[in-house]
Amino acid sequence: MNSTDRKSVLAKKEYKNFGLLVGVIFIIIAFIPVIKGRNLNVYTAVIGSILIILALIAPYFLYPVYKIWMKVGHILGKINAFIILSVIYYVILTPGAVFARLIKGSNKKYAFKSDELTTWIKREPGNPSEDIKRMF
């Protein structure tokens, strides 16, 4: 079996799993109104049934739907990541940094002094042989 055959077998399995999963989800969504005493959502049930039938009979027909679904999922993932990371930054990190500065004060050790040309900290030379022996 060469790599092209493996890819097609994996793709077929992926399309089949996609069709079955999304089809079952659509059918579950179609039956939710029935549980609440309303009418069945026929269009959603038909779409779910078509997806399941295609997944069982000819999974390769699901390729265009699968590609669109994956692109939409990728875009939504980027949007979600941006929103979640923004919330974490502005709700957790920013107030934490402000609070830490209020408590500790600003770090004067590294502040720029107008009479010096650099913020470089002058240190005495160490023992290089000792540094090499005990690096960590």
Protein backbone atom coordinates (compact mmCIF):
# COMPACT_ATOMS: atom_id res chain seq x y z
CA MET A 1 0.00 0.00 0.00
CA ASN A 2 1.63 3.27 -1.08
CA SER A 3 1.22 6.66 0.59
CA THR A 4 -1.51 7.77 -1.83
CA ASP A 5 -3.64 4.76 -0.92
CA ARG A 6 -3.11 5.42 2.79
CA LYS A 7 -4.12 9.05 2.36
CA SER A 8 -7.27 8.07 0.48
CA VAL A 9 -8.18 5.48 3.13
CA LEU A 10 -7.61 8.04 5.89
CA ALA A 11 -9.56 10.68 3.97
CA LYS A 12 -12.45 8.26 3.41
CA LYS A 13 -12.51 7.41 7.12
CA GLU A 14 -12.33 11.11 8.02
CA TYR A 15 -15.21 12.03 5.69
CA LYS A 16 -17.25 9.10 7.02
CA ASN A 17 -16.69 10.11 10.66
CA PHE A 18 -17.50 13.71 9.79
CA GLY A 19 -20.75 12.76 8.04
CA LEU A 20 -21.88 10.46 10.83
CA LEU A 21 -21.05 12.89 13.63
CA VAL A 22 -22.57 15.97 12.02
CA GLY A 23 -25.57 13.97 10.78
CA VAL A 24 -26.33 12.65 14.27
CA ILE A 25 -25.95 16.15 15.72
CA PHE A 26 -28.38 17.53 13.13
CA ILE A 27 -30.92 14.79 13.91
CA ILE A 28 -30.61 15.45 17.66
CA ILE A 29 -31.17 19.16 17.01
CA ALA A 30 -34.20 18.28 14.86
CA PHE A 31 -35.79 16.27 17.69
CA ILE A 32 -35.26 18.83 20.47
CA PRO A 33 -38.56 20.63 19.65
CA VAL A 34 -40.41 17.27 19.84
CA ILE A 35 -39.20 16.83 23.42
CA LYS A 36 -40.60 20.28 24.24
CA GLY A 37 -43.98 19.38 22.72
CA ARG A 38 -43.58 21.19 19.39
CA ASN A 39 -43.28 19.97 15.81
CA LEU A 40 -40.26 18.16 14.42
CA ASN A 41 -37.76 20.37 12.59
CA VAL A 42 -38.03 18.51 9.29
CA TYR A 43 -35.35 20.39 7.34
CA THR A 44 -32.71 19.74 9.97
CA ALA A 45 -33.70 16.06 10.17
CA VAL A 46 -33.48 15.72 6.37
CA ILE A 47 -30.02 17.33 6.29
CA GLY A 48 -28.85 15.03 9.08
CA SER A 49 -30.27 11.97 7.32
CA ILE A 50 -28.61 12.92 4.02
CA LEU A 51 -25.26 13.37 5.77
CA ILE A 52 -25.55 9.96 7.46
CA ILE A 53 -26.58 8.20 4.24
CA LEU A 54 -23.73 9.82 2.28
CA ALA A 55 -21.27 8.92 5.04
CA LEU A 56 -22.30 5.27 4.88
CA ILE A 57 -22.62 4.91 1.10
CA ALA A 58 -20.22 7.40 -0.52
CA PRO A 59 -18.10 9.39 1.95
CA TYR A 60 -16.14 11.11 -0.85
CA PHE A 61 -19.24 13.14 -1.74
CA LEU A 62 -18.85 14.86 1.63
CA TYR A 63 -15.48 16.36 0.62
CA PRO A 64 -16.80 19.86 -0.31
CA VAL A 65 -18.95 20.07 2.82
CA TYR A 66 -16.05 18.83 4.94
CA LYS A 67 -13.64 21.42 3.50
CA ILE A 68 -16.10 24.28 4.06
CA TRP A 69 -16.81 23.05 7.60
CA MET A 70 -13.09 22.87 8.40
CA LYS A 71 -12.43 26.38 7.02
CA VAL A 72 -15.31 27.81 9.06
CA GLY A 73 -14.03 25.94 12.12
CA HIS A 74 -10.54 27.31 11.58
CA ILE A 75 -11.83 30.88 11.30
CA LEU A 76 -14.03 30.47 14.39
CA GLY A 77 -11.06 29.00 16.27
CA LYS A 78 -8.95 32.07 15.49
CA ILE A 79 -11.77 34.37 16.58
CA ASN A 80 -12.31 32.40 19.79
CA ALA A 81 -8.59 32.37 20.58
CA PHE A 82 -8.39 36.13 20.05
CA ILE A 83 -11.40 36.78 22.29
CA ILE A 84 -10.28 34.41 25.04
CA LEU A 85 -6.70 35.70 25.07
CA SER A 86 -7.92 39.31 25.05
CA VAL A 87 -10.20 38.65 28.01
CA ILE A 88 -7.39 36.92 29.90
CA TYR A 89 -5.02 39.81 29.16
CA TYR A 90 -7.39 42.64 30.07
CA VAL A 91 -9.23 40.95 32.96
CA ILE A 92 -6.41 39.02 34.64
CA LEU A 93 -2.95 40.20 33.58
CA THR A 94 -3.47 43.96 33.35
CA PRO A 95 -5.13 44.38 36.77
CA GLY A 96 -2.55 42.02 38.26
CA ALA A 97 0.32 44.11 36.88
CA VAL A 98 -1.28 47.35 38.09
CA PHE A 99 -1.83 45.82 41.52
CA ALA A 100 1.77 44.57 41.67
CA ARG A 101 3.09 48.02 40.80
CA LEU A 102 0.91 49.61 43.46
CA ILE A 103 2.18 47.19 46.08
CA LYS A 104 5.87 46.99 45.11
CA GLY A 105 6.33 50.35 43.45
CA SER A 106 8.20 50.72 40.19
CA ASN A 107 11.57 49.07 39.91
CA LYS A 108 14.00 51.99 40.38
CA LYS A 109 17.02 49.77 39.86
CA TYR A 110 16.38 49.60 36.11
CA ALA A 111 15.04 53.14 35.64
CA PHE A 112 16.83 55.36 33.12
CA LYS A 113 18.97 58.02 34.75
CA SER A 114 19.43 61.24 32.79
CA ASP A 115 23.09 61.66 33.76
CA GLU A 116 24.05 58.24 32.32
CA LEU A 117 24.06 57.25 28.67
CA THR A 118 22.93 53.67 29.25
CA THR A 119 20.93 51.50 31.64
CA TRP A 120 23.75 48.95 31.75
CA ILE A 121 24.46 47.74 35.29
CA LYS A 122 28.18 47.69 36.11
CA ARG A 123 29.35 44.51 37.81
CA GLU A 124 32.65 43.23 39.05
CA PRO A 125 34.16 40.49 36.88
CA GLY A 126 33.48 37.04 38.27
CA ASN A 127 35.57 33.89 38.34
CA PRO A 128 35.09 32.29 34.89
CA SER A 129 36.41 28.87 35.93
CA GLU A 130 33.86 28.73 38.77
CA ASP A 131 31.06 29.77 36.38
CA ILE A 132 31.97 27.03 33.94
CA LYS A 133 32.11 24.32 36.64
CA ARG A 134 28.72 25.20 38.12
CA MET A 135 26.68 26.39 35.15
CA PHE A 136 23.36 25.37 36.57
